[in-house]
Amino acid sequence: MLRMARAGSVVSDERRPTMTEIKTTIQIDRPRSEVFAYLTDLRNAPEWSTELLRRTFDGDDVELGTTGVDELRALGRVLVTPWEVTEYLPPESIEIEFGGALSATSHFSFEEAESGASTLMTCVTDLHLRGALLRLLTPLVAMDARRADEAQFRRAKEIIESRATKADARSGDR
């Protein structure tokens, strides 16, 4: 399929990315500031991410413009993915743009629930798939990404809530 571009030139749709949205929401029984702090501390990602093999980034703390590179296992392959923090509004949201063959934009929002005792975390990821093969595989890529998000956010929930339980137990021992 062809589409018209500037000045009447013709560009193949082959180069135009296919976009697929994946939305995952989970309730974590901890205050928003605590959930945001844990999930946006990039050093914690290997604990809860199911696909991440290695993460390198500039600086010590995350902020707008922080950049880095992830090495992850997805679709049975090891992928190297550069990324940049494009929005950072503590404790409300963070957005990260990922490059590479499986480029994506992930927007995380954190809302107070149950009078601030828990947090509703929502991640909306827009996958931007380029190339004929990836475009054909869009349903499989989306299904794999959806499963990974659900698994890793359940894992993050367990970690955050168990840390709080351990901290509460320690403070009760005093």
Protein backbone atom coordinates (compact mmCIF):
# COMPACT_ATOMS: atom_id res chain seq x y z
CA MET A 1 0.00 0.00 0.00
CA LEU A 2 1.26 3.49 -0.82
CA ARG A 3 0.49 6.87 0.66
CA MET A 4 1.18 10.39 -0.54
CA ALA A 5 3.98 12.35 1.12
CA ARG A 6 5.27 15.95 0.81
CA ALA A 7 5.38 17.52 -2.62
CA GLY A 8 3.53 14.64 -4.21
CA SER A 9 6.26 12.04 -3.61
CA VAL A 10 5.16 8.50 -2.86
CA VAL A 11 6.29 6.70 0.28
CA SER A 12 5.71 3.04 1.01
CA ASP A 13 3.63 2.24 4.09
CA GLU A 14 6.44 -0.22 4.87
CA ARG A 15 8.27 2.55 6.77
CA ARG A 16 5.27 3.81 8.70
CA PRO A 17 5.13 2.14 12.11
CA THR A 18 2.15 0.11 13.27
CA MET A 19 0.97 1.26 16.70
CA THR A 20 -0.58 -1.05 19.26
CA GLU A 21 -1.70 0.05 22.73
CA ILE A 22 -1.32 -2.15 25.80
CA LYS A 23 -2.93 -1.01 29.05
CA THR A 24 -2.30 -2.67 32.41
CA THR A 25 -3.73 -1.50 35.74
CA ILE A 26 -2.98 -2.90 39.18
CA GLN A 27 -3.87 -1.85 42.71
CA ILE A 28 -0.97 -1.87 45.16
CA ASP A 29 -1.81 -1.65 48.85
CA ARG A 30 0.70 1.05 49.70
CA PRO A 31 0.62 4.87 49.52
CA ARG A 32 1.21 6.50 46.13
CA SER A 33 4.50 8.17 47.12
CA GLU A 34 5.96 4.81 48.18
CA VAL A 35 4.81 2.99 45.02
CA PHE A 36 6.06 5.81 42.77
CA ALA A 37 9.43 5.94 44.55
CA TYR A 38 9.99 2.19 44.21
CA LEU A 39 8.89 1.82 40.59
CA THR A 40 10.74 4.91 39.34
CA ASP A 41 14.00 4.03 41.09
CA LEU A 42 15.65 2.49 38.04
CA ARG A 43 17.96 0.42 40.23
CA ASN A 44 14.91 -1.58 41.38
CA ALA A 45 13.80 -2.62 37.88
CA PRO A 46 15.81 -5.88 37.78
CA GLU A 47 13.94 -7.04 40.92
CA TRP A 48 10.49 -6.81 39.34
CA SER A 49 10.94 -6.75 35.57
CA THR A 50 10.45 -10.18 34.03
CA GLU A 51 12.28 -9.36 30.77
CA LEU A 52 15.12 -7.08 31.87
CA LEU A 53 18.58 -8.64 31.83
CA ARG A 54 20.62 -5.48 32.38
CA ARG A 55 20.00 -1.74 32.64
CA THR A 56 22.56 1.04 32.39
CA PHE A 57 21.74 4.73 32.70
CA ASP A 58 23.32 8.11 33.26
CA GLY A 59 23.25 9.71 36.70
CA ASP A 60 22.14 8.38 40.06
CA ASP A 61 18.51 9.44 40.15
CA VAL A 62 15.77 9.51 37.55
CA GLU A 63 14.68 12.87 36.23
CA LEU A 64 13.35 14.38 33.03
CA GLY A 65 15.87 13.62 30.27
CA THR A 66 17.54 10.65 31.98
CA THR A 67 18.76 8.25 29.28
CA GLY A 68 19.94 4.67 29.33
CA VAL A 69 20.06 1.32 27.61
CA ASP A 70 18.21 -1.87 28.50
CA GLU A 71 19.21 -5.36 27.51
CA LEU A 72 16.12 -7.53 27.62
CA ARG A 73 14.79 -10.87 26.53
CA ALA A 74 11.64 -10.60 24.43
CA LEU A 75 10.18 -12.80 21.73
CA GLY A 76 12.91 -15.36 22.37
CA ARG A 77 15.68 -12.89 21.54
CA VAL A 78 18.00 -10.59 23.45
CA LEU A 79 17.30 -7.00 22.45
CA VAL A 80 19.28 -3.85 23.21
CA THR A 81 16.94 -0.91 23.65
CA PRO A 82 17.93 2.73 24.27
CA TRP A 83 15.44 4.80 26.28
CA GLU A 84 14.78 8.30 27.63
CA VAL A 85 12.55 9.69 30.39
CA THR A 86 10.27 12.14 28.56
CA GLU A 87 7.94 13.02 31.45
CA TYR A 88 8.62 12.99 35.17
CA LEU A 89 5.97 14.35 37.56
CA PRO A 90 6.45 12.83 41.05
CA PRO A 91 4.36 11.17 42.46
CA GLU A 92 1.84 11.28 39.61
CA SER A 93 3.47 9.99 36.43
CA ILE A 94 6.52 9.04 34.43
CA GLU A 95 6.86 8.42 30.70
CA ILE A 96 9.69 6.58 29.00
CA GLU A 97 10.37 6.34 25.27
CA PHE A 98 12.17 3.22 24.08
CA GLY A 99 14.02 2.98 20.75
CA GLY A 100 15.09 0.07 18.60
CA ALA A 101 13.14 -2.41 16.50
CA LEU A 102 10.46 -2.70 19.17
CA SER A 103 10.20 1.00 19.94
CA ALA A 104 7.54 2.03 22.42
CA THR A 105 6.30 4.78 24.68
CA SER A 106 5.28 3.72 28.20
CA HIS A 107 3.26 6.10 30.35
CA PHE A 108 2.87 5.17 34.03
CA SER A 109 0.27 6.98 36.13
CA PHE A 110 -0.17 6.64 39.88
CA GLU A 111 -3.53 7.51 41.50
CA GLU A 112 -4.45 7.42 45.16
CA ALA A 113 -7.10 4.85 46.03
CA GLU A 114 -8.93 4.07 49.27
CA SER A 115 -8.17 7.40 50.97
CA GLY A 116 -4.48 7.21 50.08
CA ALA A 117 -3.90 3.80 51.65
CA SER A 118 -3.34 2.20 48.26
CA THR A 119 -2.34 3.15 44.73
CA LEU A 120 -3.85 2.44 41.36
CA MET A 121 -0.93 2.16 38.94
CA THR A 122 -1.72 2.19 35.23
CA CYS A 123 0.80 1.60 32.47
CA VAL A 124 -0.19 2.44 28.91
CA THR A 125 2.38 1.30 26.36
CA ASP A 126 2.16 2.26 22.71
CA LEU A 127 4.24 -0.17 20.64
CA HIS A 128 5.59 1.32 17.41
CA LEU A 129 6.51 -1.65 15.24
CA ARG A 130 8.53 -1.02 12.07
CA GLY A 131 9.29 -3.40 9.26
CA ALA A 132 7.13 -5.86 7.39
CA LEU A 133 7.91 -8.87 9.60
CA LEU A 134 7.22 -7.08 12.89
CA ARG A 135 4.05 -5.57 11.47
CA LEU A 136 2.84 -9.06 10.54
CA LEU A 137 3.72 -10.27 14.03
CA THR A 138 1.93 -7.38 15.78
CA PRO A 139 -0.71 -9.60 17.47
CA LEU A 140 1.99 -11.93 18.86
CA VAL A 141 4.21 -9.06 19.99
CA ALA A 142 1.25 -7.38 21.71
CA MET A 143 0.20 -10.62 23.42
CA ASP A 144 3.76 -11.23 24.66
CA ALA A 145 4.07 -7.64 25.91
CA ARG A 146 0.68 -7.80 27.66
CA ARG A 147 1.64 -11.03 29.45
CA ALA A 148 5.00 -9.59 30.46
CA ASP A 149 3.41 -6.41 31.84
CA GLU A 150 0.83 -8.34 33.85
CA ALA A 151 3.49 -10.65 35.31
CA GLN A 152 6.00 -7.96 36.16
CA PHE A 153 3.45 -5.62 37.75
CA ARG A 154 2.10 -8.49 39.88
CA ARG A 155 5.70 -9.12 40.92
CA ALA A 156 6.23 -5.42 41.73
CA LYS A 157 3.03 -5.43 43.81
CA GLU A 158 4.23 -8.46 45.79
CA ILE A 159 7.63 -6.88 46.42
CA ILE A 160 6.28 -3.49 47.49
CA GLU A 161 3.59 -4.94 49.74
CA SER A 162 5.93 -7.53 51.31
CA ARG A 163 8.56 -4.87 52.07
CA ALA A 164 5.91 -2.86 53.86
CA THR A 165 4.77 -5.91 55.83
CA LYS A 166 8.36 -6.64 56.90
CA ALA A 167 8.92 -3.00 57.88
CA ASP A 168 5.66 -2.97 59.85
CA ALA A 169 6.68 -6.17 61.66
CA ARG A 170 10.09 -4.70 62.55
CA SER A 171 8.55 -1.51 63.92
CA GLY A 172 6.08 -3.60 65.97
CA ASP A 173 8.99 -5.46 67.59
CA ARG A 174 10.30 -2.28 69.16
